[in-house]
Amino acid sequence: MTTNGAKRFGGRTLGLIISVAVLFAALSLLSQSFLSGYTMFVISRQMAFYVLIALSQAFCLVVGQMSLAVGAIGSITTIVLGLGLADWGLPAWLAVLLALAVGGLAGSINGLLITRLKIDSFIVTLSMMFIFMGLRSGISGGSPYKVPEAFTFIGQKSLLGVPYVFLLVVALLGLVGYMFPEHGLRPPAPGHGRERRRGPVVRDQH
């Protein structure tokens, strides 16, 4: 194993892997249904959604910022998708593109407020989180949207017992590993911004 590989799987990461393995073994011994195909399907599907959220947050942490509005942006994007499919009668591909465009626009608004107005990311994303959540509740009224059955295959169907959404997440993680082969997505040292990570500059007066 290379030096970078040893660092990546050492310390906290190795402890986390061991803890998960021990928990997995304990649940397997205590419950006869834990290793069933249905249980593995449900766990892998739920894990895929959490990984997607964590991956989006990781990109914010890498640049020394944070986002509290990840879930809220995802919810308003889902509402737009539901409107496109159920109320507006759009084709599935067009509804998906529209939802992605709204999500990108929401993220861009956060980014512009942070970078152009120099407002702290915590304040911006916390405020926008409440705005997006209010829009979500106001538009949908808390009612679900009915989507075509064929549209649910990514979240509900599987390939050889493995959910499609889990395979999609694995592909995304592989893409991230390819784009950042050296260290992956790692947050910077404590403190926001490139200048803080550099540390103070001491000038020689002599």
N, C-alpha and C. Protein backbone atom coordinates (compact mmCIF):
# COMPACT_ATOMS: atom_id res chain seq x y z
N MET A 1 0.85 -1.20 0.00
CA MET A 1 0.00 0.00 0.00
C MET A 1 0.89 1.25 0.00
N THR A 2 0.56 2.23 -0.80
CA THR A 2 1.35 3.45 -0.89
C THR A 2 1.17 4.29 0.37
N THR A 3 2.04 5.32 0.47
CA THR A 3 1.95 6.20 1.64
C THR A 3 0.62 6.92 1.71
N ASN A 4 0.14 7.43 0.53
CA ASN A 4 -1.15 8.11 0.51
C ASN A 4 -2.28 7.17 0.85
N GLY A 5 -2.17 5.90 0.37
CA GLY A 5 -3.20 4.93 0.69
C GLY A 5 -3.23 4.60 2.16
N ALA A 6 -2.03 4.50 2.77
CA ALA A 6 -1.97 4.22 4.20
C ALA A 6 -2.57 5.35 5.01
N LYS A 7 -2.32 6.59 4.60
CA LYS A 7 -2.89 7.74 5.30
C LYS A 7 -4.41 7.76 5.15
N ARG A 8 -4.89 7.40 3.96
CA ARG A 8 -6.32 7.47 3.71
C ARG A 8 -7.09 6.46 4.55
N PHE A 9 -6.49 5.27 4.76
CA PHE A 9 -7.18 4.23 5.51
C PHE A 9 -6.62 4.08 6.92
N GLY A 10 -6.03 5.12 7.43
CA GLY A 10 -5.52 5.10 8.80
C GLY A 10 -6.33 6.01 9.69
N GLY A 11 -6.07 5.90 10.99
CA GLY A 11 -6.70 6.81 11.95
C GLY A 11 -8.19 6.66 12.02
N ARG A 12 -8.89 7.76 11.83
CA ARG A 12 -10.35 7.79 11.96
C ARG A 12 -11.03 6.89 10.95
N THR A 13 -10.52 6.89 9.71
CA THR A 13 -11.16 6.08 8.67
C THR A 13 -11.11 4.61 9.02
N LEU A 14 -9.95 4.14 9.47
CA LEU A 14 -9.81 2.73 9.83
C LEU A 14 -10.70 2.40 11.03
N GLY A 15 -10.77 3.30 12.00
CA GLY A 15 -11.63 3.07 13.16
C GLY A 15 -13.10 3.00 12.76
N LEU A 16 -13.50 3.85 11.81
CA LEU A 16 -14.89 3.83 11.34
C LEU A 16 -15.20 2.53 10.62
N ILE A 17 -14.27 2.06 9.79
CA ILE A 17 -14.48 0.81 9.06
C ILE A 17 -14.61 -0.36 10.04
N ILE A 18 -13.76 -0.40 11.05
CA ILE A 18 -13.81 -1.47 12.04
C ILE A 18 -15.12 -1.42 12.82
N SER A 19 -15.56 -0.22 13.21
CA SER A 19 -16.81 -0.08 13.96
C SER A 19 -18.01 -0.56 13.14
N VAL A 20 -18.04 -0.18 11.87
CA VAL A 20 -19.15 -0.61 11.00
C VAL A 20 -19.12 -2.12 10.83
N ALA A 21 -17.93 -2.69 10.67
CA ALA A 21 -17.82 -4.14 10.51
C ALA A 21 -18.30 -4.88 11.75
N VAL A 22 -17.93 -4.37 12.93
CA VAL A 22 -18.38 -4.99 14.18
C VAL A 22 -19.90 -4.88 14.33
N LEU A 23 -20.45 -3.70 14.03
CA LEU A 23 -21.89 -3.51 14.12
C LEU A 23 -22.62 -4.42 13.14
N PHE A 24 -22.09 -4.53 11.93
CA PHE A 24 -22.69 -5.38 10.90
C PHE A 24 -22.70 -6.84 11.36
N ALA A 25 -21.58 -7.30 11.93
CA ALA A 25 -21.49 -8.68 12.41
C ALA A 25 -22.45 -8.93 13.57
N ALA A 26 -22.56 -7.96 14.48
CA ALA A 26 -23.45 -8.12 15.63
C ALA A 26 -24.91 -8.20 15.19
N LEU A 27 -25.31 -7.34 14.27
CA LEU A 27 -26.70 -7.37 13.79
C LEU A 27 -26.99 -8.65 13.03
N SER A 28 -25.99 -9.16 12.32
CA SER A 28 -26.16 -10.41 11.59
C SER A 28 -26.40 -11.58 12.54
N LEU A 29 -25.74 -11.56 13.69
CA LEU A 29 -25.89 -12.64 14.66
C LEU A 29 -27.19 -12.51 15.46
N LEU A 30 -27.62 -11.28 15.71
CA LEU A 30 -28.79 -11.06 16.55
C LEU A 30 -30.11 -11.16 15.79
N SER A 31 -30.06 -10.92 14.48
CA SER A 31 -31.29 -10.93 13.69
C SER A 31 -31.13 -11.87 12.49
N GLN A 32 -32.07 -12.78 12.34
CA GLN A 32 -32.00 -13.72 11.23
C GLN A 32 -32.37 -13.07 9.90
N SER A 33 -33.13 -12.00 9.96
CA SER A 33 -33.58 -11.35 8.73
C SER A 33 -32.66 -10.21 8.28
N PHE A 34 -31.61 -9.95 9.06
CA PHE A 34 -30.77 -8.81 8.72
C PHE A 34 -30.05 -9.01 7.39
N LEU A 35 -29.60 -10.21 7.12
CA LEU A 35 -28.86 -10.49 5.89
C LEU A 35 -29.76 -10.86 4.72
N SER A 36 -31.06 -10.65 4.86
CA SER A 36 -31.98 -10.96 3.77
C SER A 36 -31.78 -9.97 2.62
N GLY A 37 -32.19 -10.39 1.45
CA GLY A 37 -32.04 -9.53 0.28
C GLY A 37 -32.82 -8.24 0.39
N TYR A 38 -34.02 -8.30 0.99
CA TYR A 38 -34.84 -7.09 1.14
C TYR A 38 -34.18 -6.09 2.07
N THR A 39 -33.62 -6.59 3.18
CA THR A 39 -32.97 -5.69 4.13
C THR A 39 -31.75 -5.01 3.50
N MET A 40 -30.96 -5.78 2.77
CA MET A 40 -29.79 -5.21 2.11
C MET A 40 -30.21 -4.19 1.04
N PHE A 41 -31.33 -4.46 0.39
CA PHE A 41 -31.85 -3.53 -0.62
C PHE A 41 -32.23 -2.21 0.03
N VAL A 42 -32.95 -2.28 1.14
CA VAL A 42 -33.40 -1.06 1.82
C VAL A 42 -32.22 -0.28 2.38
N ILE A 43 -31.27 -0.98 3.01
CA ILE A 43 -30.12 -0.30 3.60
C ILE A 43 -29.27 0.38 2.54
N SER A 44 -28.99 -0.32 1.45
CA SER A 44 -28.16 0.26 0.40
C SER A 44 -28.84 1.43 -0.28
N ARG A 45 -30.17 1.35 -0.41
CA ARG A 45 -30.89 2.47 -1.02
C ARG A 45 -30.85 3.70 -0.12
N GLN A 46 -31.11 3.50 1.17
CA GLN A 46 -31.05 4.62 2.11
C GLN A 46 -29.63 5.19 2.19
N MET A 47 -28.65 4.33 2.21
CA MET A 47 -27.27 4.78 2.30
C MET A 47 -26.89 5.62 1.08
N ALA A 48 -27.44 5.26 -0.07
CA ALA A 48 -27.12 6.01 -1.29
C ALA A 48 -27.57 7.46 -1.18
N PHE A 49 -28.74 7.70 -0.61
CA PHE A 49 -29.24 9.07 -0.47
C PHE A 49 -28.36 9.86 0.50
N TYR A 50 -27.95 9.23 1.59
CA TYR A 50 -27.08 9.92 2.55
C TYR A 50 -25.73 10.25 1.92
N VAL A 51 -25.22 9.34 1.10
CA VAL A 51 -23.93 9.59 0.44
C VAL A 51 -24.05 10.75 -0.54
N LEU A 52 -25.16 10.84 -1.24
CA LEU A 52 -25.37 11.96 -2.16
C LEU A 52 -25.35 13.29 -1.41
N ILE A 53 -26.04 13.33 -0.26
CA ILE A 53 -26.05 14.56 0.54
C ILE A 53 -24.65 14.88 1.06
N ALA A 54 -23.96 13.85 1.56
CA ALA A 54 -22.62 14.07 2.09
C ALA A 54 -21.66 14.51 0.99
N LEU A 55 -21.83 13.98 -0.21
CA LEU A 55 -20.95 14.35 -1.31
C LEU A 55 -21.14 15.81 -1.70
N SER A 56 -22.38 16.26 -1.72
CA SER A 56 -22.63 17.67 -2.04
C SER A 56 -22.06 18.57 -0.96
N GLN A 57 -22.14 18.15 0.30
CA GLN A 57 -21.56 18.93 1.39
C GLN A 57 -20.04 18.93 1.33
N ALA A 58 -19.47 17.82 0.87
CA ALA A 58 -18.00 17.71 0.81
C ALA A 58 -17.41 18.75 -0.13
N PHE A 59 -18.06 19.02 -1.24
CA PHE A 59 -17.54 20.02 -2.18
C PHE A 59 -17.51 21.40 -1.53
N CYS A 60 -18.48 21.69 -0.65
CA CYS A 60 -18.47 22.97 0.07
C CYS A 60 -17.33 23.01 1.07
N LEU A 61 -17.11 21.91 1.78
CA LEU A 61 -16.05 21.87 2.79
C LEU A 61 -14.67 21.98 2.16
N VAL A 62 -14.52 21.43 0.97
CA VAL A 62 -13.21 21.45 0.31
C VAL A 62 -12.73 22.88 0.07
N VAL A 63 -13.66 23.78 -0.24
CA VAL A 63 -13.28 25.17 -0.50
C VAL A 63 -13.34 26.01 0.76
N GLY A 64 -13.46 25.35 1.92
CA GLY A 64 -13.44 26.08 3.17
C GLY A 64 -14.74 26.72 3.56
N GLN A 65 -15.86 26.26 2.99
CA GLN A 65 -17.17 26.81 3.31
C GLN A 65 -18.08 25.71 3.81
N MET A 66 -19.34 26.02 4.04
CA MET A 66 -20.31 25.03 4.46
C MET A 66 -21.67 25.42 3.91
N SER A 67 -22.58 24.45 3.86
CA SER A 67 -23.91 24.73 3.36
C SER A 67 -24.94 24.02 4.24
N LEU A 68 -25.81 24.80 4.84
CA LEU A 68 -26.91 24.24 5.63
C LEU A 68 -28.17 24.08 4.78
N ALA A 69 -28.09 24.47 3.52
CA ALA A 69 -29.28 24.47 2.67
C ALA A 69 -29.32 23.31 1.69
N VAL A 70 -28.45 22.31 1.88
CA VAL A 70 -28.41 21.18 0.95
C VAL A 70 -29.75 20.47 0.90
N GLY A 71 -30.29 20.12 2.07
CA GLY A 71 -31.58 19.42 2.11
C GLY A 71 -32.71 20.28 1.60
N ALA A 72 -32.69 21.59 1.92
CA ALA A 72 -33.76 22.48 1.48
C ALA A 72 -33.74 22.65 -0.04
N ILE A 73 -32.55 22.75 -0.62
CA ILE A 73 -32.46 22.85 -2.08
C ILE A 73 -32.95 21.56 -2.72
N GLY A 74 -32.59 20.43 -2.12
CA GLY A 74 -33.10 19.16 -2.63
C GLY A 74 -34.61 19.07 -2.57
N SER A 75 -35.21 19.61 -1.52
CA SER A 75 -36.67 19.54 -1.38
C SER A 75 -37.37 20.43 -2.40
N ILE A 76 -36.86 21.64 -2.61
CA ILE A 76 -37.51 22.52 -3.59
C ILE A 76 -37.31 21.98 -5.00
N THR A 77 -36.19 21.31 -5.25
CA THR A 77 -35.97 20.67 -6.54
C THR A 77 -36.97 19.54 -6.76
N THR A 78 -37.24 18.79 -5.70
CA THR A 78 -38.23 17.71 -5.78
C THR A 78 -39.62 18.25 -6.06
N ILE A 79 -39.95 19.39 -5.45
CA ILE A 79 -41.26 20.00 -5.69
C ILE A 79 -41.40 20.41 -7.15
N VAL A 80 -40.35 21.00 -7.70
CA VAL A 80 -40.40 21.40 -9.11
C VAL A 80 -40.55 20.18 -10.01
N LEU A 81 -39.87 19.11 -9.66
CA LEU A 81 -40.00 17.88 -10.44
C LEU A 81 -41.44 17.35 -10.37
N GLY A 82 -42.02 17.35 -9.17
CA GLY A 82 -43.39 16.89 -9.03
C GLY A 82 -44.38 17.76 -9.80
N LEU A 83 -44.16 19.07 -9.77
CA LEU A 83 -45.03 19.96 -10.53
C LEU A 83 -44.92 19.69 -12.03
N GLY A 84 -43.69 19.50 -12.48
CA GLY A 84 -43.50 19.26 -13.91
C GLY A 84 -44.15 17.98 -14.38
N LEU A 85 -44.08 16.95 -13.56
CA LEU A 85 -44.64 15.65 -13.96
C LEU A 85 -46.15 15.58 -13.75
N ALA A 86 -46.62 16.02 -12.59
CA ALA A 86 -48.02 15.83 -12.23
C ALA A 86 -48.93 16.95 -12.69
N ASP A 87 -48.51 18.20 -12.52
CA ASP A 87 -49.39 19.34 -12.80
C ASP A 87 -49.20 19.92 -14.19
N TRP A 88 -47.97 19.98 -14.65
CA TRP A 88 -47.71 20.61 -15.94
C TRP A 88 -47.67 19.63 -17.09
N GLY A 89 -47.64 18.36 -16.79
CA GLY A 89 -47.66 17.35 -17.84
C GLY A 89 -46.43 17.33 -18.73
N LEU A 90 -45.29 17.69 -18.17
CA LEU A 90 -44.05 17.71 -18.96
C LEU A 90 -43.51 16.30 -19.15
N PRO A 91 -42.78 16.05 -20.23
CA PRO A 91 -42.08 14.77 -20.35
C PRO A 91 -41.08 14.60 -19.21
N ALA A 92 -40.78 13.35 -18.87
CA ALA A 92 -39.92 13.08 -17.72
C ALA A 92 -38.56 13.74 -17.88
N TRP A 93 -37.97 13.66 -19.08
CA TRP A 93 -36.62 14.21 -19.27
C TRP A 93 -36.62 15.73 -19.12
N LEU A 94 -37.70 16.38 -19.58
CA LEU A 94 -37.77 17.84 -19.47
C LEU A 94 -38.01 18.26 -18.02
N ALA A 95 -38.84 17.50 -17.29
CA ALA A 95 -39.08 17.80 -15.88
C ALA A 95 -37.80 17.64 -15.06
N VAL A 96 -37.00 16.64 -15.39
CA VAL A 96 -35.73 16.44 -14.68
C VAL A 96 -34.78 17.59 -14.96
N LEU A 97 -34.68 18.00 -16.22
CA LEU A 97 -33.80 19.12 -16.55
C LEU A 97 -34.25 20.41 -15.87
N LEU A 98 -35.55 20.63 -15.81
CA LEU A 98 -36.07 21.82 -15.15
C LEU A 98 -35.76 21.79 -13.66
N ALA A 99 -35.93 20.63 -13.04
CA ALA A 99 -35.64 20.51 -11.61
C ALA A 99 -34.16 20.73 -11.33
N LEU A 100 -33.30 20.16 -12.17
CA LEU A 100 -31.87 20.36 -12.00
C LEU A 100 -31.48 21.82 -12.20
N ALA A 101 -32.15 22.49 -13.14
CA ALA A 101 -31.87 23.91 -13.36
C ALA A 101 -32.26 24.74 -12.15
N VAL A 102 -33.39 24.42 -11.53
CA VAL A 102 -33.81 25.14 -10.33
C VAL A 102 -32.83 24.89 -9.19
N GLY A 103 -32.39 23.64 -9.03
CA GLY A 103 -31.41 23.35 -8.00
C GLY A 103 -30.11 24.08 -8.22
N GLY A 104 -29.67 24.11 -9.49
CA GLY A 104 -28.44 24.85 -9.80
C GLY A 104 -28.59 26.33 -9.57
N LEU A 105 -29.76 26.87 -9.89
CA LEU A 105 -30.02 28.30 -9.66
C LEU A 105 -30.01 28.61 -8.16
N ALA A 106 -30.62 27.74 -7.37
CA ALA A 106 -30.64 27.96 -5.92
C ALA A 106 -29.23 27.94 -5.34
N GLY A 107 -28.43 26.97 -5.77
CA GLY A 107 -27.05 26.92 -5.31
C GLY A 107 -26.23 28.12 -5.76
N SER A 108 -26.50 28.58 -6.99
CA SER A 108 -25.78 29.75 -7.51
C SER A 108 -26.12 31.01 -6.72
N ILE A 109 -27.37 31.13 -6.30
CA ILE A 109 -27.76 32.28 -5.49
C ILE A 109 -26.97 32.28 -4.18
N ASN A 110 -26.87 31.12 -3.55
CA ASN A 110 -26.08 31.03 -2.32
C ASN A 110 -24.62 31.41 -2.58
N GLY A 111 -24.07 30.86 -3.65
CA GLY A 111 -22.67 31.14 -3.96
C GLY A 111 -22.40 32.61 -4.25
N LEU A 112 -23.31 33.25 -4.98
CA LEU A 112 -23.13 34.67 -5.29
C LEU A 112 -23.23 35.54 -4.05
N LEU A 113 -24.15 35.22 -3.17
CA LEU A 113 -24.28 35.98 -1.92
C LEU A 113 -23.03 35.86 -1.07
N ILE A 114 -22.43 34.67 -1.09
CA ILE A 114 -21.23 34.44 -0.27
C ILE A 114 -20.01 35.11 -0.88
N THR A 115 -19.83 34.93 -2.18
CA THR A 115 -18.60 35.42 -2.83
C THR A 115 -18.66 36.89 -3.19
N ARG A 116 -19.82 37.39 -3.61
CA ARG A 116 -19.91 38.78 -4.05
C ARG A 116 -20.17 39.74 -2.90
N LEU A 117 -21.06 39.36 -2.01
CA LEU A 117 -21.39 40.24 -0.89
C LEU A 117 -20.55 39.96 0.35
N LYS A 118 -19.72 38.91 0.28
CA LYS A 118 -18.79 38.58 1.38
C LYS A 118 -19.54 38.29 2.68
N ILE A 119 -20.69 37.62 2.57
CA ILE A 119 -21.44 37.22 3.75
C ILE A 119 -21.01 35.80 4.12
N ASP A 120 -20.90 35.54 5.39
CA ASP A 120 -20.47 34.23 5.85
C ASP A 120 -21.42 33.15 5.35
N SER A 121 -20.85 32.02 4.93
CA SER A 121 -21.65 30.94 4.35
C SER A 121 -22.67 30.39 5.33
N PHE A 122 -22.35 30.38 6.62
CA PHE A 122 -23.29 29.88 7.63
C PHE A 122 -24.55 30.72 7.64
N ILE A 123 -24.38 32.05 7.62
CA ILE A 123 -25.54 32.95 7.66
C ILE A 123 -26.36 32.84 6.38
N VAL A 124 -25.68 32.81 5.24
CA VAL A 124 -26.37 32.76 3.95
C VAL A 124 -27.17 31.48 3.82
N THR A 125 -26.52 30.35 4.04
CA THR A 125 -27.20 29.08 3.81
C THR A 125 -28.27 28.81 4.86
N LEU A 126 -28.07 29.30 6.08
CA LEU A 126 -29.12 29.14 7.10
C LEU A 126 -30.36 29.94 6.71
N SER A 127 -30.15 31.18 6.25
CA SER A 127 -31.28 32.02 5.85
C SER A 127 -31.99 31.44 4.62
N MET A 128 -31.20 31.03 3.62
CA MET A 128 -31.80 30.49 2.41
C MET A 128 -32.48 29.15 2.67
N MET A 129 -32.00 28.42 3.66
CA MET A 129 -32.66 27.16 4.01
C MET A 129 -34.11 27.41 4.41
N PHE A 130 -34.34 28.42 5.25
CA PHE A 130 -35.71 28.73 5.67
C PHE A 130 -36.55 29.24 4.50
N ILE A 131 -35.92 30.01 3.61
CA ILE A 131 -36.65 30.50 2.43
C ILE A 131 -37.07 29.35 1.54
N PHE A 132 -36.16 28.44 1.24
CA PHE A 132 -36.48 27.31 0.38
C PHE A 132 -37.51 26.38 1.03
N MET A 133 -37.39 26.19 2.33
CA MET A 133 -38.37 25.34 3.03
C MET A 133 -39.75 25.99 3.03
N GLY A 134 -39.78 27.31 3.15
CA GLY A 134 -41.06 28.00 3.07
C GLY A 134 -41.69 27.89 1.69
N LEU A 135 -40.86 28.04 0.64
CA LEU A 135 -41.37 27.87 -0.72
C LEU A 135 -41.87 26.45 -0.95
N ARG A 136 -41.13 25.48 -0.43
CA ARG A 136 -41.55 24.09 -0.58
C ARG A 136 -42.92 23.85 0.03
N SER A 137 -43.11 24.32 1.27
CA SER A 137 -44.39 24.10 1.95
C SER A 137 -45.51 24.92 1.32
N GLY A 138 -45.17 26.14 0.90
CA GLY A 138 -46.20 26.99 0.31
C GLY A 138 -46.67 26.50 -1.04
N ILE A 139 -45.76 25.97 -1.85
CA ILE A 139 -46.13 25.51 -3.19
C ILE A 139 -46.85 24.17 -3.13
N SER A 140 -46.31 23.25 -2.36
CA SER A 140 -46.90 21.90 -2.34
C SER A 140 -48.06 21.77 -1.38
N GLY A 141 -48.09 22.61 -0.32
CA GLY A 141 -49.12 22.47 0.68
C GLY A 141 -49.02 21.19 1.49
N GLY A 142 -47.86 20.54 1.40
CA GLY A 142 -47.68 19.28 2.12
C GLY A 142 -48.28 18.08 1.44
N SER A 143 -48.81 18.26 0.24
CA SER A 143 -49.44 17.15 -0.49
C SER A 143 -48.43 16.47 -1.40
N PRO A 144 -48.51 15.14 -1.52
CA PRO A 144 -47.58 14.42 -2.42
C PRO A 144 -47.97 14.60 -3.88
N TYR A 145 -47.02 14.37 -4.75
CA TYR A 145 -47.25 14.43 -6.19
C TYR A 145 -47.22 13.02 -6.76
N LYS A 146 -48.11 12.76 -7.68
CA LYS A 146 -48.15 11.46 -8.33
C LYS A 146 -47.29 11.51 -9.58
N VAL A 147 -46.32 10.61 -9.64
CA VAL A 147 -45.41 10.57 -10.79
C VAL A 147 -45.63 9.27 -11.54
N PRO A 148 -45.29 9.23 -12.82
CA PRO A 148 -45.47 7.99 -13.59
C PRO A 148 -44.70 6.82 -12.99
N GLU A 149 -45.26 5.64 -13.12
CA GLU A 149 -44.64 4.45 -12.56
C GLU A 149 -43.28 4.19 -13.17
N ALA A 150 -43.15 4.48 -14.46
CA ALA A 150 -41.87 4.22 -15.13
C ALA A 150 -40.76 5.14 -14.62
N PHE A 151 -41.14 6.25 -13.99
CA PHE A 151 -40.14 7.21 -13.53
C PHE A 151 -39.49 6.78 -12.22
N THR A 152 -40.08 5.83 -11.53
CA THR A 152 -39.59 5.46 -10.20
C THR A 152 -38.56 4.33 -10.24
N PHE A 153 -38.12 3.92 -11.42
CA PHE A 153 -37.25 2.74 -11.47
C PHE A 153 -35.90 3.00 -10.82
N ILE A 154 -35.39 4.24 -10.87
CA ILE A 154 -34.08 4.52 -10.28
C ILE A 154 -34.11 4.34 -8.77
N GLY A 155 -35.17 4.78 -8.13
CA GLY A 155 -35.23 4.68 -6.68
C GLY A 155 -35.85 3.40 -6.17
N GLN A 156 -36.66 2.71 -6.99
CA GLN A 156 -37.39 1.54 -6.52
C GLN A 156 -36.90 0.22 -7.10
N LYS A 157 -36.31 0.24 -8.28
CA LYS A 157 -35.90 -0.99 -8.94
C LYS A 157 -34.43 -1.29 -8.65
N SER A 158 -34.03 -2.50 -9.03
CA SER A 158 -32.67 -2.94 -8.74
C SER A 158 -32.11 -3.77 -9.88
N LEU A 159 -30.82 -3.93 -9.88
CA LEU A 159 -30.12 -4.80 -10.82
C LEU A 159 -29.45 -5.91 -10.02
N LEU A 160 -29.97 -7.12 -10.16
CA LEU A 160 -29.47 -8.27 -9.41
C LEU A 160 -29.53 -8.02 -7.90
N GLY A 161 -30.59 -7.35 -7.46
CA GLY A 161 -30.76 -7.07 -6.05
C GLY A 161 -30.09 -5.81 -5.54
N VAL A 162 -29.32 -5.14 -6.40
CA VAL A 162 -28.63 -3.90 -6.01
C VAL A 162 -29.42 -2.72 -6.57
N PRO A 163 -29.88 -1.79 -5.73
CA PRO A 163 -30.68 -0.65 -6.21
C PRO A 163 -29.91 0.16 -7.26
N TYR A 164 -30.64 0.64 -8.25
CA TYR A 164 -30.03 1.47 -9.27
C TYR A 164 -29.44 2.74 -8.68
N VAL A 165 -30.10 3.30 -7.66
CA VAL A 165 -29.60 4.54 -7.07
C VAL A 165 -28.26 4.28 -6.37
N PHE A 166 -28.08 3.08 -5.81
CA PHE A 166 -26.81 2.74 -5.19
C PHE A 166 -25.72 2.62 -6.25
N LEU A 167 -26.03 2.01 -7.37
CA LEU A 167 -25.06 1.91 -8.47
C LEU A 167 -24.70 3.29 -9.01
N LEU A 168 -25.69 4.18 -9.05
CA LEU A 168 -25.44 5.55 -9.50
C LEU A 168 -24.47 6.26 -8.56
N VAL A 169 -24.66 6.08 -7.26
CA VAL A 169 -23.78 6.70 -6.27
C VAL A 169 -22.37 6.14 -6.37
N VAL A 170 -22.25 4.83 -6.56
CA VAL A 170 -20.93 4.22 -6.72
C VAL A 170 -20.22 4.81 -7.94
N ALA A 171 -20.97 5.01 -9.02
CA ALA A 171 -20.37 5.61 -10.22
C ALA A 171 -19.92 7.05 -9.95
N LEU A 172 -20.73 7.80 -9.19
CA LEU A 172 -20.36 9.18 -8.85
C LEU A 172 -19.10 9.21 -7.98
N LEU A 173 -19.03 8.30 -7.02
CA LEU A 173 -17.84 8.24 -6.17
C LEU A 173 -16.61 7.86 -6.98
N GLY A 174 -16.78 6.96 -7.94
CA GLY A 174 -15.67 6.63 -8.82
C GLY A 174 -15.22 7.83 -9.65
N LEU A 175 -16.20 8.64 -10.10
CA LEU A 175 -15.87 9.84 -10.86
C LEU A 175 -15.11 10.84 -10.00
N VAL A 176 -15.56 11.00 -8.75
CA VAL A 176 -14.86 11.91 -7.83
C VAL A 176 -13.44 11.42 -7.56
N GLY A 177 -13.29 10.11 -7.36
CA GLY A 177 -11.95 9.56 -7.16
C GLY A 177 -11.05 9.75 -8.36
N TYR A 178 -11.65 9.72 -9.55
CA TYR A 178 -10.87 9.96 -10.77
C TYR A 178 -10.48 11.43 -10.91
N MET A 179 -11.39 12.32 -10.52
CA MET A 179 -11.11 13.76 -10.63
C MET A 179 -10.12 14.23 -9.58
N PHE A 180 -10.14 13.59 -8.41
CA PHE A 180 -9.24 13.97 -7.32
C PHE A 180 -8.46 12.74 -6.87
N PRO A 181 -7.54 12.27 -7.70
CA PRO A 181 -6.88 10.99 -7.40
C PRO A 181 -5.89 11.05 -6.25
N GLU A 182 -5.36 12.24 -5.95
CA GLU A 182 -4.28 12.33 -4.97
C GLU A 182 -4.79 12.22 -3.54
N HIS A 183 -5.75 13.08 -3.19
CA HIS A 183 -6.21 13.13 -1.81
C HIS A 183 -7.72 12.98 -1.67
N GLY A 184 -8.44 12.98 -2.79
CA GLY A 184 -9.89 12.92 -2.70
C GLY A 184 -10.46 14.24 -2.20
N LEU A 185 -11.71 14.20 -1.77
CA LEU A 185 -12.37 15.40 -1.26
C LEU A 185 -12.11 15.51 0.24
N ARG A 186 -11.13 16.31 0.60
CA ARG A 186 -10.79 16.49 2.01
C ARG A 186 -10.96 17.95 2.39
N PRO A 187 -11.56 18.21 3.54
CA PRO A 187 -11.72 19.62 3.96
C PRO A 187 -10.38 20.22 4.32
N PRO A 188 -10.24 21.54 4.21
CA PRO A 188 -8.99 22.20 4.56
C PRO A 188 -8.80 22.28 6.06
N ALA A 189 -7.71 22.88 6.46
CA ALA A 189 -7.45 23.09 7.88
C ALA A 189 -8.50 24.02 8.46
N PRO A 190 -8.68 24.05 9.78
CA PRO A 190 -9.70 24.91 10.39
C PRO A 190 -9.55 26.36 9.95
N GLY A 191 -10.67 27.00 9.71
CA GLY A 191 -10.67 28.38 9.23
C GLY A 191 -11.16 28.42 7.81
N HIS A 192 -11.83 29.48 7.45
CA HIS A 192 -12.41 29.62 6.12
C HIS A 192 -11.49 30.46 5.24
N GLY A 193 -11.47 30.06 3.97
CA GLY A 193 -10.75 30.89 3.00
C GLY A 193 -9.31 30.49 2.84
N ARG A 194 -8.78 30.77 1.65
CA ARG A 194 -7.41 30.40 1.34
C ARG A 194 -6.41 31.16 2.19
N GLU A 195 -6.72 32.44 2.49
CA GLU A 195 -5.76 33.23 3.25
C GLU A 195 -5.59 32.67 4.65
N ARG A 196 -6.67 32.22 5.28
CA ARG A 196 -6.56 31.69 6.63
C ARG A 196 -5.79 30.38 6.64
N ARG A 197 -5.95 29.58 5.60
CA ARG A 197 -5.25 28.32 5.57
C ARG A 197 -3.75 28.53 5.39
N ARG A 198 -3.37 29.64 4.78
CA ARG A 198 -1.95 29.91 4.61
C ARG A 198 -1.28 30.28 5.92
N GLY A 199 -2.06 30.92 6.82
CA GLY A 199 -1.47 31.36 8.08
C GLY A 199 -0.92 32.76 7.95
N PRO A 200 -0.52 33.33 9.05
CA PRO A 200 0.00 34.69 9.04
C PRO A 200 1.33 34.79 8.31
N VAL A 201 1.54 35.93 7.71
CA VAL A 201 2.79 36.20 6.99
C VAL A 201 3.67 37.09 7.86
N VAL A 202 4.86 36.66 8.14
CA VAL A 202 5.80 37.42 8.97
C VAL A 202 6.87 37.99 8.04
N ARG A 203 6.97 39.28 8.03
CA ARG A 203 7.94 39.96 7.17
C ARG A 203 9.22 40.26 7.95
N ASP A 204 10.33 40.10 7.30
CA ASP A 204 11.63 40.38 7.90
C ASP A 204 11.88 41.87 7.82
N GLN A 205 12.05 42.53 8.97
CA GLN A 205 12.27 43.95 9.00
C GLN A 205 13.75 44.33 8.82
N HIS A 206 14.63 43.34 8.78
CA HIS A 206 16.06 43.63 8.70
C HIS A 206 16.53 43.58 7.24
